N, C-alpha and C. Protein backbone atom coordinates (compact mmCIF):
# COMPACT_ATOMS: atom_id res chain seq x y z
N MET A 1 -30.58 -13.99 1.41
CA MET A 1 -31.86 -14.12 2.06
C MET A 1 -31.63 -14.59 3.49
N LYS A 2 -32.38 -13.99 4.41
CA LYS A 2 -32.25 -14.38 5.81
C LYS A 2 -33.63 -14.55 6.42
N LEU A 3 -33.80 -15.63 7.17
CA LEU A 3 -35.03 -15.89 7.91
C LEU A 3 -34.74 -15.80 9.40
N ILE A 4 -35.71 -15.28 10.12
CA ILE A 4 -35.67 -15.26 11.59
C ILE A 4 -36.77 -16.20 12.06
N GLY A 5 -36.46 -17.01 13.06
CA GLY A 5 -37.46 -17.89 13.64
C GLY A 5 -37.36 -17.87 15.14
N PHE A 6 -38.47 -18.19 15.77
CA PHE A 6 -38.46 -18.32 17.22
C PHE A 6 -39.68 -19.09 17.68
N ALA A 7 -39.52 -19.67 18.85
CA ALA A 7 -40.65 -20.30 19.54
C ALA A 7 -41.27 -19.23 20.42
N ALA A 8 -42.57 -19.10 20.38
CA ALA A 8 -43.27 -18.12 21.22
C ALA A 8 -43.47 -18.74 22.60
N SER A 9 -42.34 -19.03 23.22
CA SER A 9 -42.29 -19.73 24.50
C SER A 9 -41.01 -19.34 25.22
N SER A 10 -41.06 -19.38 26.54
CA SER A 10 -39.84 -19.13 27.31
C SER A 10 -39.24 -20.42 27.86
N SER A 11 -39.81 -21.54 27.53
CA SER A 11 -39.31 -22.83 28.01
C SER A 11 -37.96 -23.14 27.39
N LYS A 12 -37.00 -23.50 28.22
CA LYS A 12 -35.68 -23.87 27.72
C LYS A 12 -35.72 -25.18 26.92
N ALA A 13 -36.70 -26.02 27.20
CA ALA A 13 -36.86 -27.30 26.49
C ALA A 13 -38.08 -27.25 25.58
N SER A 14 -38.35 -26.09 25.00
CA SER A 14 -39.56 -25.88 24.20
C SER A 14 -39.67 -26.82 23.00
N ILE A 15 -40.79 -27.51 22.93
CA ILE A 15 -41.04 -28.34 21.75
C ILE A 15 -41.28 -27.46 20.53
N ASN A 16 -41.74 -26.24 20.75
CA ASN A 16 -41.93 -25.32 19.64
C ASN A 16 -40.59 -24.86 19.08
N LYS A 17 -39.59 -24.70 19.95
CA LYS A 17 -38.25 -24.38 19.45
C LYS A 17 -37.68 -25.56 18.67
N GLN A 18 -37.96 -26.77 19.12
CA GLN A 18 -37.51 -27.95 18.38
C GLN A 18 -38.16 -27.97 16.99
N LEU A 19 -39.42 -27.56 16.92
CA LEU A 19 -40.11 -27.53 15.63
C LEU A 19 -39.52 -26.46 14.71
N VAL A 20 -39.22 -25.29 15.24
CA VAL A 20 -38.59 -24.24 14.43
C VAL A 20 -37.22 -24.71 13.94
N THR A 21 -36.44 -25.30 14.82
CA THR A 21 -35.12 -25.81 14.44
C THR A 21 -35.24 -26.84 13.33
N TYR A 22 -36.18 -27.76 13.48
CA TYR A 22 -36.40 -28.77 12.44
C TYR A 22 -36.83 -28.11 11.13
N THR A 23 -37.72 -27.15 11.22
CA THR A 23 -38.21 -26.46 10.02
C THR A 23 -37.04 -25.84 9.26
N PHE A 24 -36.13 -25.19 9.97
CA PHE A 24 -34.97 -24.60 9.30
C PHE A 24 -34.05 -25.68 8.71
N SER A 25 -34.04 -26.87 9.29
CA SER A 25 -33.20 -27.93 8.75
C SER A 25 -33.69 -28.40 7.37
N LEU A 26 -34.94 -28.09 7.05
CA LEU A 26 -35.49 -28.46 5.75
C LEU A 26 -35.02 -27.54 4.64
N LEU A 27 -34.44 -26.42 5.00
CA LEU A 27 -34.00 -25.42 4.04
C LEU A 27 -32.51 -25.57 3.75
N LYS A 28 -32.18 -25.46 2.51
CA LYS A 28 -30.78 -25.52 2.10
C LYS A 28 -30.35 -24.15 1.61
N ASP A 29 -29.14 -23.76 1.94
CA ASP A 29 -28.56 -22.50 1.48
C ASP A 29 -29.40 -21.28 1.85
N VAL A 30 -29.98 -21.30 3.04
CA VAL A 30 -30.75 -20.17 3.53
C VAL A 30 -30.16 -19.75 4.87
N ASP A 31 -29.76 -18.50 4.96
CA ASP A 31 -29.25 -17.96 6.20
C ASP A 31 -30.43 -17.82 7.17
N HIS A 32 -30.25 -18.29 8.37
CA HIS A 32 -31.34 -18.19 9.36
C HIS A 32 -30.77 -18.00 10.75
N GLU A 33 -31.63 -17.48 11.60
CA GLU A 33 -31.26 -17.29 13.00
C GLU A 33 -32.47 -17.61 13.85
N ILE A 34 -32.25 -18.34 14.93
CA ILE A 34 -33.32 -18.67 15.86
C ILE A 34 -33.14 -17.81 17.10
N LEU A 35 -34.13 -16.98 17.35
CA LEU A 35 -34.11 -16.12 18.52
C LEU A 35 -34.69 -16.86 19.71
N ASP A 36 -34.27 -16.47 20.91
CA ASP A 36 -34.77 -17.05 22.14
C ASP A 36 -35.46 -15.95 22.93
N LEU A 37 -36.75 -16.12 23.21
CA LEU A 37 -37.49 -15.08 23.93
C LEU A 37 -36.88 -14.76 25.29
N ASN A 38 -36.14 -15.69 25.87
CA ASN A 38 -35.49 -15.43 27.15
C ASN A 38 -34.45 -14.32 27.05
N ASP A 39 -33.97 -14.06 25.85
CA ASP A 39 -33.01 -12.98 25.64
C ASP A 39 -33.69 -11.61 25.57
N TYR A 40 -35.03 -11.61 25.60
CA TYR A 40 -35.80 -10.37 25.47
C TYR A 40 -36.81 -10.23 26.62
N GLU A 41 -36.41 -10.68 27.78
CA GLU A 41 -37.30 -10.65 28.94
C GLU A 41 -37.47 -9.21 29.43
N LEU A 42 -38.72 -8.81 29.57
CA LEU A 42 -39.06 -7.44 29.96
C LEU A 42 -40.04 -7.44 31.11
N PRO A 43 -40.13 -6.32 31.84
CA PRO A 43 -41.16 -6.23 32.89
C PRO A 43 -42.55 -6.37 32.26
N LEU A 44 -43.48 -6.78 33.06
CA LEU A 44 -44.85 -6.93 32.58
C LEU A 44 -45.35 -5.59 32.05
N PHE A 45 -45.85 -5.60 30.82
CA PHE A 45 -46.27 -4.36 30.19
C PHE A 45 -47.47 -3.74 30.89
N SER A 46 -47.41 -2.45 31.07
CA SER A 46 -48.56 -1.64 31.47
C SER A 46 -48.27 -0.22 31.02
N VAL A 47 -49.29 0.59 30.93
CA VAL A 47 -49.09 1.98 30.54
C VAL A 47 -48.19 2.69 31.56
N ASP A 48 -48.36 2.35 32.82
CA ASP A 48 -47.51 2.95 33.86
C ASP A 48 -46.05 2.58 33.65
N LYS A 49 -45.78 1.31 33.34
CA LYS A 49 -44.39 0.87 33.09
C LYS A 49 -43.85 1.54 31.83
N GLU A 50 -44.70 1.69 30.84
CA GLU A 50 -44.27 2.35 29.61
C GLU A 50 -43.88 3.81 29.89
N GLN A 51 -44.66 4.50 30.71
CA GLN A 51 -44.33 5.89 31.06
C GLN A 51 -43.02 5.95 31.84
N GLU A 52 -42.81 4.95 32.67
CA GLU A 52 -41.59 4.91 33.49
C GLU A 52 -40.36 4.56 32.66
N LEU A 53 -40.49 3.56 31.76
CA LEU A 53 -39.34 3.01 31.05
C LEU A 53 -39.17 3.51 29.62
N GLY A 54 -40.23 4.05 29.06
CA GLY A 54 -40.17 4.44 27.66
C GLY A 54 -40.19 3.22 26.76
N GLN A 55 -39.31 3.20 25.79
CA GLN A 55 -39.22 2.09 24.84
C GLN A 55 -37.99 1.24 25.17
N PRO A 56 -38.19 0.14 25.88
CA PRO A 56 -37.03 -0.65 26.32
C PRO A 56 -36.13 -1.11 25.18
N GLU A 57 -34.85 -1.09 25.47
CA GLU A 57 -33.84 -1.47 24.48
C GLU A 57 -34.06 -2.89 23.95
N LEU A 58 -34.46 -3.82 24.82
CA LEU A 58 -34.66 -5.20 24.37
C LEU A 58 -35.80 -5.31 23.37
N ALA A 59 -36.87 -4.55 23.57
CA ALA A 59 -37.98 -4.56 22.61
C ALA A 59 -37.52 -3.95 21.29
N GLN A 60 -36.74 -2.89 21.37
CA GLN A 60 -36.21 -2.26 20.16
C GLN A 60 -35.29 -3.23 19.41
N LYS A 61 -34.50 -3.94 20.15
CA LYS A 61 -33.57 -4.91 19.54
C LYS A 61 -34.34 -6.04 18.84
N PHE A 62 -35.40 -6.52 19.48
CA PHE A 62 -36.22 -7.57 18.87
C PHE A 62 -36.83 -7.07 17.56
N LEU A 63 -37.42 -5.89 17.59
CA LEU A 63 -38.00 -5.31 16.37
C LEU A 63 -36.95 -5.13 15.29
N SER A 64 -35.76 -4.73 15.68
CA SER A 64 -34.67 -4.57 14.72
C SER A 64 -34.32 -5.89 14.06
N GLN A 65 -34.29 -6.96 14.85
CA GLN A 65 -34.01 -8.29 14.29
C GLN A 65 -35.06 -8.66 13.25
N LEU A 66 -36.33 -8.39 13.55
CA LEU A 66 -37.39 -8.70 12.59
C LEU A 66 -37.23 -7.85 11.33
N GLY A 67 -36.82 -6.61 11.51
CA GLY A 67 -36.65 -5.71 10.38
C GLY A 67 -35.53 -6.11 9.43
N LYS A 68 -34.53 -6.80 9.95
CA LYS A 68 -33.36 -7.17 9.15
C LYS A 68 -33.56 -8.46 8.34
N CYS A 69 -34.66 -9.16 8.57
CA CYS A 69 -34.84 -10.45 7.91
C CYS A 69 -35.76 -10.32 6.69
N ASP A 70 -35.78 -11.39 5.91
CA ASP A 70 -36.64 -11.45 4.73
C ASP A 70 -37.91 -12.24 4.98
N GLY A 71 -37.96 -12.99 6.06
CA GLY A 71 -39.14 -13.79 6.40
C GLY A 71 -39.05 -14.26 7.84
N ILE A 72 -40.22 -14.61 8.38
CA ILE A 72 -40.32 -14.97 9.80
C ILE A 72 -41.01 -16.32 9.95
N VAL A 73 -40.46 -17.16 10.82
CA VAL A 73 -41.08 -18.43 11.20
C VAL A 73 -41.29 -18.39 12.71
N ILE A 74 -42.54 -18.57 13.13
CA ILE A 74 -42.87 -18.61 14.55
C ILE A 74 -43.62 -19.89 14.84
N SER A 75 -43.25 -20.55 15.92
CA SER A 75 -44.02 -21.69 16.41
C SER A 75 -44.55 -21.33 17.79
N PHE A 76 -45.87 -21.33 17.91
CA PHE A 76 -46.55 -20.86 19.10
C PHE A 76 -46.81 -21.96 20.12
N ALA A 77 -46.38 -21.70 21.34
CA ALA A 77 -46.79 -22.53 22.47
C ALA A 77 -48.20 -22.08 22.85
N GLU A 78 -49.01 -23.01 23.26
CA GLU A 78 -50.37 -22.68 23.67
C GLU A 78 -50.49 -22.83 25.18
N HIS A 79 -50.83 -21.73 25.84
CA HIS A 79 -51.05 -21.73 27.29
C HIS A 79 -52.52 -21.43 27.53
N ASN A 80 -53.25 -22.43 27.97
CA ASN A 80 -54.68 -22.28 28.23
C ASN A 80 -55.43 -21.69 27.04
N GLY A 81 -55.09 -22.17 25.85
CA GLY A 81 -55.78 -21.77 24.63
C GLY A 81 -55.31 -20.46 24.03
N SER A 82 -54.25 -19.87 24.57
CA SER A 82 -53.81 -18.57 24.09
C SER A 82 -52.27 -18.51 24.03
N TYR A 83 -51.76 -17.29 23.79
CA TYR A 83 -50.32 -17.07 23.73
C TYR A 83 -49.67 -17.30 25.10
N SER A 84 -48.41 -17.65 25.08
CA SER A 84 -47.64 -17.70 26.32
C SER A 84 -47.47 -16.27 26.83
N ALA A 85 -47.35 -16.13 28.13
CA ALA A 85 -47.16 -14.79 28.72
C ALA A 85 -45.88 -14.14 28.22
N ALA A 86 -44.83 -14.92 28.03
CA ALA A 86 -43.55 -14.38 27.57
C ALA A 86 -43.70 -13.75 26.18
N TYR A 87 -44.36 -14.45 25.27
CA TYR A 87 -44.56 -13.91 23.92
C TYR A 87 -45.47 -12.69 23.96
N LYS A 88 -46.59 -12.81 24.63
CA LYS A 88 -47.58 -11.72 24.64
C LYS A 88 -46.98 -10.46 25.23
N ASN A 89 -46.20 -10.59 26.27
CA ASN A 89 -45.58 -9.41 26.89
C ASN A 89 -44.59 -8.74 25.93
N LEU A 90 -43.72 -9.52 25.31
CA LEU A 90 -42.77 -8.95 24.35
C LEU A 90 -43.52 -8.31 23.19
N PHE A 91 -44.53 -8.99 22.69
CA PHE A 91 -45.34 -8.46 21.60
C PHE A 91 -45.99 -7.13 21.99
N ASP A 92 -46.54 -7.07 23.20
CA ASP A 92 -47.18 -5.83 23.65
C ASP A 92 -46.19 -4.67 23.69
N TRP A 93 -45.00 -4.89 24.23
CA TRP A 93 -43.99 -3.85 24.25
C TRP A 93 -43.63 -3.42 22.82
N CYS A 94 -43.42 -4.39 21.96
CA CYS A 94 -43.02 -4.09 20.57
C CYS A 94 -44.11 -3.32 19.83
N SER A 95 -45.35 -3.70 20.05
CA SER A 95 -46.44 -3.05 19.32
C SER A 95 -46.63 -1.60 19.73
N ARG A 96 -46.15 -1.24 20.90
CA ARG A 96 -46.22 0.16 21.34
C ARG A 96 -45.10 0.99 20.67
N ILE A 97 -44.03 0.34 20.30
CA ILE A 97 -42.94 1.01 19.59
C ILE A 97 -43.28 1.13 18.11
N ASN A 98 -43.74 0.03 17.54
CA ASN A 98 -44.12 -0.01 16.12
C ASN A 98 -45.33 -0.92 15.97
N PRO A 99 -46.51 -0.34 15.73
CA PRO A 99 -47.71 -1.18 15.56
C PRO A 99 -47.59 -2.19 14.41
N LYS A 100 -46.68 -1.93 13.49
CA LYS A 100 -46.43 -2.86 12.39
C LYS A 100 -45.31 -3.81 12.80
N VAL A 101 -45.54 -4.53 13.88
CA VAL A 101 -44.52 -5.39 14.50
C VAL A 101 -43.81 -6.27 13.47
N PHE A 102 -44.60 -6.88 12.57
CA PHE A 102 -44.02 -7.86 11.64
C PHE A 102 -43.49 -7.23 10.36
N GLN A 103 -43.66 -5.92 10.21
CA GLN A 103 -42.98 -5.13 9.19
C GLN A 103 -43.16 -5.65 7.76
N ASN A 104 -44.36 -6.13 7.47
CA ASN A 104 -44.73 -6.62 6.13
C ASN A 104 -43.91 -7.82 5.68
N LYS A 105 -43.38 -8.57 6.62
CA LYS A 105 -42.58 -9.75 6.27
C LYS A 105 -43.49 -10.94 5.99
N PRO A 106 -43.13 -11.78 5.00
CA PRO A 106 -43.85 -13.04 4.82
C PRO A 106 -43.58 -13.94 6.03
N MET A 107 -44.60 -14.67 6.43
CA MET A 107 -44.51 -15.45 7.66
C MET A 107 -45.02 -16.88 7.46
N LEU A 108 -44.40 -17.79 8.17
CA LEU A 108 -44.89 -19.15 8.35
C LEU A 108 -45.19 -19.29 9.83
N LEU A 109 -46.45 -19.56 10.15
CA LEU A 109 -46.85 -19.70 11.55
C LEU A 109 -47.15 -21.16 11.84
N LEU A 110 -46.55 -21.64 12.92
CA LEU A 110 -46.67 -23.03 13.35
C LEU A 110 -47.12 -23.07 14.79
N ALA A 111 -47.57 -24.23 15.21
CA ALA A 111 -47.85 -24.49 16.62
C ALA A 111 -47.76 -25.98 16.83
N THR A 112 -47.37 -26.35 18.04
CA THR A 112 -47.41 -27.75 18.42
C THR A 112 -47.64 -27.84 19.91
N SER A 113 -48.12 -29.01 20.32
CA SER A 113 -48.32 -29.29 21.74
C SER A 113 -48.37 -30.81 21.89
N PRO A 114 -48.31 -31.30 23.11
CA PRO A 114 -48.44 -32.74 23.32
C PRO A 114 -49.87 -33.24 23.04
N GLY A 115 -50.83 -32.33 23.01
CA GLY A 115 -52.23 -32.70 22.84
C GLY A 115 -52.64 -32.90 21.39
N ALA A 116 -53.84 -33.44 21.24
CA ALA A 116 -54.37 -33.81 19.92
C ALA A 116 -54.67 -32.61 19.02
N ARG A 117 -54.85 -31.43 19.60
CA ARG A 117 -55.14 -30.25 18.77
C ARG A 117 -53.88 -29.49 18.37
N GLY A 118 -52.75 -29.80 18.99
CA GLY A 118 -51.47 -29.24 18.57
C GLY A 118 -51.37 -27.73 18.61
N GLY A 119 -52.04 -27.11 19.58
CA GLY A 119 -51.96 -25.65 19.67
C GLY A 119 -52.83 -24.95 18.64
N ALA A 120 -53.85 -25.63 18.15
CA ALA A 120 -54.69 -25.08 17.09
C ALA A 120 -55.38 -23.78 17.50
N SER A 121 -55.75 -23.64 18.75
CA SER A 121 -56.45 -22.42 19.19
C SER A 121 -55.54 -21.20 19.11
N VAL A 122 -54.33 -21.30 19.63
CA VAL A 122 -53.42 -20.17 19.59
C VAL A 122 -52.99 -19.88 18.14
N LEU A 123 -52.82 -20.92 17.35
CA LEU A 123 -52.43 -20.73 15.95
C LEU A 123 -53.52 -19.97 15.20
N GLU A 124 -54.75 -20.34 15.43
CA GLU A 124 -55.87 -19.64 14.78
C GLU A 124 -55.87 -18.16 15.16
N ALA A 125 -55.66 -17.87 16.42
CA ALA A 125 -55.61 -16.47 16.87
C ALA A 125 -54.45 -15.74 16.21
N ALA A 126 -53.29 -16.38 16.12
CA ALA A 126 -52.11 -15.75 15.52
C ALA A 126 -52.31 -15.47 14.04
N VAL A 127 -52.88 -16.43 13.33
CA VAL A 127 -53.12 -16.26 11.89
C VAL A 127 -54.10 -15.11 11.65
N LYS A 128 -55.13 -15.03 12.47
CA LYS A 128 -56.12 -13.96 12.29
C LYS A 128 -55.58 -12.59 12.66
N SER A 129 -54.71 -12.52 13.68
CA SER A 129 -54.25 -11.21 14.14
C SER A 129 -53.02 -10.69 13.40
N ALA A 130 -52.19 -11.55 12.83
CA ALA A 130 -50.93 -11.11 12.21
C ALA A 130 -51.12 -10.00 11.17
N PRO A 131 -52.13 -10.08 10.29
CA PRO A 131 -52.28 -9.00 9.31
C PRO A 131 -52.52 -7.62 9.94
N PHE A 132 -53.12 -7.56 11.11
CA PHE A 132 -53.35 -6.29 11.78
C PHE A 132 -52.04 -5.66 12.26
N PHE A 133 -50.98 -6.47 12.31
CA PHE A 133 -49.67 -6.00 12.75
C PHE A 133 -48.65 -6.15 11.63
N SER A 134 -49.16 -6.04 10.39
CA SER A 134 -48.34 -6.07 9.16
C SER A 134 -47.58 -7.37 8.99
N GLY A 135 -48.23 -8.48 9.31
CA GLY A 135 -47.68 -9.79 9.04
C GLY A 135 -48.36 -10.37 7.81
N ASP A 136 -47.58 -10.92 6.90
CA ASP A 136 -48.09 -11.51 5.66
C ASP A 136 -47.99 -13.03 5.78
N VAL A 137 -49.04 -13.64 6.32
CA VAL A 137 -49.03 -15.08 6.59
C VAL A 137 -49.17 -15.85 5.27
N LYS A 138 -48.12 -16.59 4.93
CA LYS A 138 -48.11 -17.37 3.70
C LYS A 138 -48.59 -18.80 3.93
N ALA A 139 -48.41 -19.30 5.15
CA ALA A 139 -48.86 -20.65 5.47
C ALA A 139 -48.89 -20.82 6.98
N SER A 140 -49.68 -21.77 7.42
CA SER A 140 -49.72 -22.11 8.85
C SER A 140 -49.96 -23.61 8.97
N LEU A 141 -49.48 -24.15 10.08
CA LEU A 141 -49.63 -25.59 10.31
C LEU A 141 -49.54 -25.90 11.79
N SER A 142 -50.46 -26.71 12.24
CA SER A 142 -50.45 -27.22 13.61
C SER A 142 -49.95 -28.66 13.58
N ILE A 143 -49.04 -28.97 14.48
CA ILE A 143 -48.52 -30.34 14.61
C ILE A 143 -49.08 -30.93 15.90
N PRO A 144 -50.06 -31.80 15.80
CA PRO A 144 -50.66 -32.38 17.01
C PRO A 144 -49.77 -33.45 17.63
N SER A 145 -50.06 -33.77 18.88
CA SER A 145 -49.42 -34.91 19.56
C SER A 145 -47.92 -34.96 19.29
N PHE A 146 -47.24 -33.89 19.65
CA PHE A 146 -45.83 -33.73 19.35
C PHE A 146 -45.02 -34.98 19.73
N ASN A 147 -45.24 -35.50 20.90
CA ASN A 147 -44.43 -36.63 21.39
C ASN A 147 -44.64 -37.91 20.57
N ASP A 148 -45.76 -38.00 19.89
CA ASP A 148 -46.02 -39.16 19.03
C ASP A 148 -45.53 -38.95 17.60
N ASN A 149 -45.41 -37.70 17.19
CA ASN A 149 -45.11 -37.39 15.79
C ASN A 149 -43.71 -36.85 15.55
N PHE A 150 -42.95 -36.64 16.61
CA PHE A 150 -41.61 -36.06 16.48
C PHE A 150 -40.63 -36.93 17.25
N ASP A 151 -39.54 -37.30 16.59
CA ASP A 151 -38.48 -38.07 17.23
C ASP A 151 -37.47 -37.07 17.80
N VAL A 152 -37.50 -36.89 19.10
CA VAL A 152 -36.64 -35.90 19.76
C VAL A 152 -35.17 -36.25 19.58
N ASP A 153 -34.83 -37.52 19.65
CA ASP A 153 -33.43 -37.93 19.50
C ASP A 153 -32.88 -37.59 18.12
N LYS A 154 -33.69 -37.81 17.09
CA LYS A 154 -33.27 -37.50 15.72
C LYS A 154 -33.57 -36.05 15.34
N GLY A 155 -34.44 -35.40 16.11
CA GLY A 155 -34.80 -34.01 15.82
C GLY A 155 -35.60 -33.85 14.55
N GLU A 156 -36.55 -34.78 14.31
CA GLU A 156 -37.32 -34.69 13.08
C GLU A 156 -38.73 -35.25 13.23
N LEU A 157 -39.59 -34.77 12.33
CA LEU A 157 -40.94 -35.32 12.28
C LEU A 157 -40.87 -36.73 11.74
N ILE A 158 -41.58 -37.64 12.38
CA ILE A 158 -41.60 -39.02 11.90
C ILE A 158 -42.92 -39.36 11.22
N ASN A 159 -43.91 -38.51 11.40
CA ASN A 159 -45.19 -38.67 10.71
C ASN A 159 -45.02 -38.10 9.30
N GLN A 160 -45.04 -38.97 8.31
CA GLN A 160 -44.75 -38.55 6.94
C GLN A 160 -45.80 -37.59 6.37
N GLU A 161 -47.05 -37.77 6.74
CA GLU A 161 -48.10 -36.86 6.26
C GLU A 161 -47.87 -35.44 6.80
N LEU A 162 -47.54 -35.34 8.08
CA LEU A 162 -47.25 -34.03 8.67
C LEU A 162 -45.98 -33.44 8.08
N LYS A 163 -45.00 -34.29 7.83
CA LYS A 163 -43.74 -33.82 7.24
C LYS A 163 -44.00 -33.22 5.86
N MET A 164 -44.83 -33.88 5.06
CA MET A 164 -45.15 -33.36 3.73
C MET A 164 -45.91 -32.04 3.83
N LYS A 165 -46.80 -31.92 4.81
CA LYS A 165 -47.53 -30.66 5.01
C LYS A 165 -46.57 -29.54 5.42
N LEU A 166 -45.60 -29.86 6.26
CA LEU A 166 -44.63 -28.86 6.68
C LEU A 166 -43.75 -28.44 5.51
N VAL A 167 -43.31 -29.37 4.72
CA VAL A 167 -42.50 -29.05 3.54
C VAL A 167 -43.29 -28.13 2.61
N SER A 168 -44.55 -28.43 2.41
CA SER A 168 -45.40 -27.59 1.57
C SER A 168 -45.55 -26.18 2.15
N ALA A 169 -45.71 -26.10 3.47
CA ALA A 169 -45.83 -24.79 4.13
C ALA A 169 -44.53 -24.00 3.97
N VAL A 170 -43.41 -24.66 4.12
CA VAL A 170 -42.10 -24.00 3.95
C VAL A 170 -41.97 -23.50 2.51
N GLU A 171 -42.37 -24.31 1.56
CA GLU A 171 -42.31 -23.90 0.15
C GLU A 171 -43.18 -22.68 -0.11
N SER A 172 -44.35 -22.61 0.53
CA SER A 172 -45.22 -21.45 0.39
C SER A 172 -44.55 -20.18 0.90
N LEU A 173 -43.78 -20.31 1.95
CA LEU A 173 -43.03 -19.16 2.45
C LEU A 173 -41.90 -18.80 1.50
N MET A 174 -41.16 -19.78 1.05
CA MET A 174 -39.95 -19.53 0.28
C MET A 174 -40.22 -18.93 -1.10
N VAL A 175 -41.36 -19.20 -1.70
CA VAL A 175 -41.64 -18.62 -3.02
C VAL A 175 -41.89 -17.12 -2.93
N THR A 176 -42.12 -16.62 -1.72
CA THR A 176 -42.41 -15.19 -1.56
C THR A 176 -41.25 -14.42 -0.96
N VAL A 177 -40.25 -15.11 -0.47
CA VAL A 177 -39.12 -14.44 0.20
C VAL A 177 -38.11 -13.99 -0.83
């Protein structure tokens, strides 16, 4: 069994990447890989660019990675209540190659931010839209006030209630993978 995870962010110090990394640390004997959106940087999508470039190799490679896994974990950064530009652009390119971007994979969708809502707006949008792109959302969780609830030095959630919710969300994914 193999899981693919990534932070829907291009930040090198992404708190969402820290959350994905921590989430995978909760799993034992599970092969996993964390992708970095910076490895899939593409020109800003437009129909004109698509006509010029066709189906970029990096978008094809990203879709291939998703196709090779048994489940997907994404933690969404929230930029002004929505997806980060880096994620949305890659997603747009991928959806033009294969509208079933998530390829019927079971998914755990997460979000976090320094704020009290923890990326709840972008997470809600992601949960609602994933099925339209063949994503099978098994669980979702927002982690509010990241800096108060996560010990960066230890790389773990310190809020026990949130930790239990995350463990439960991970279990919901794993029973279907």
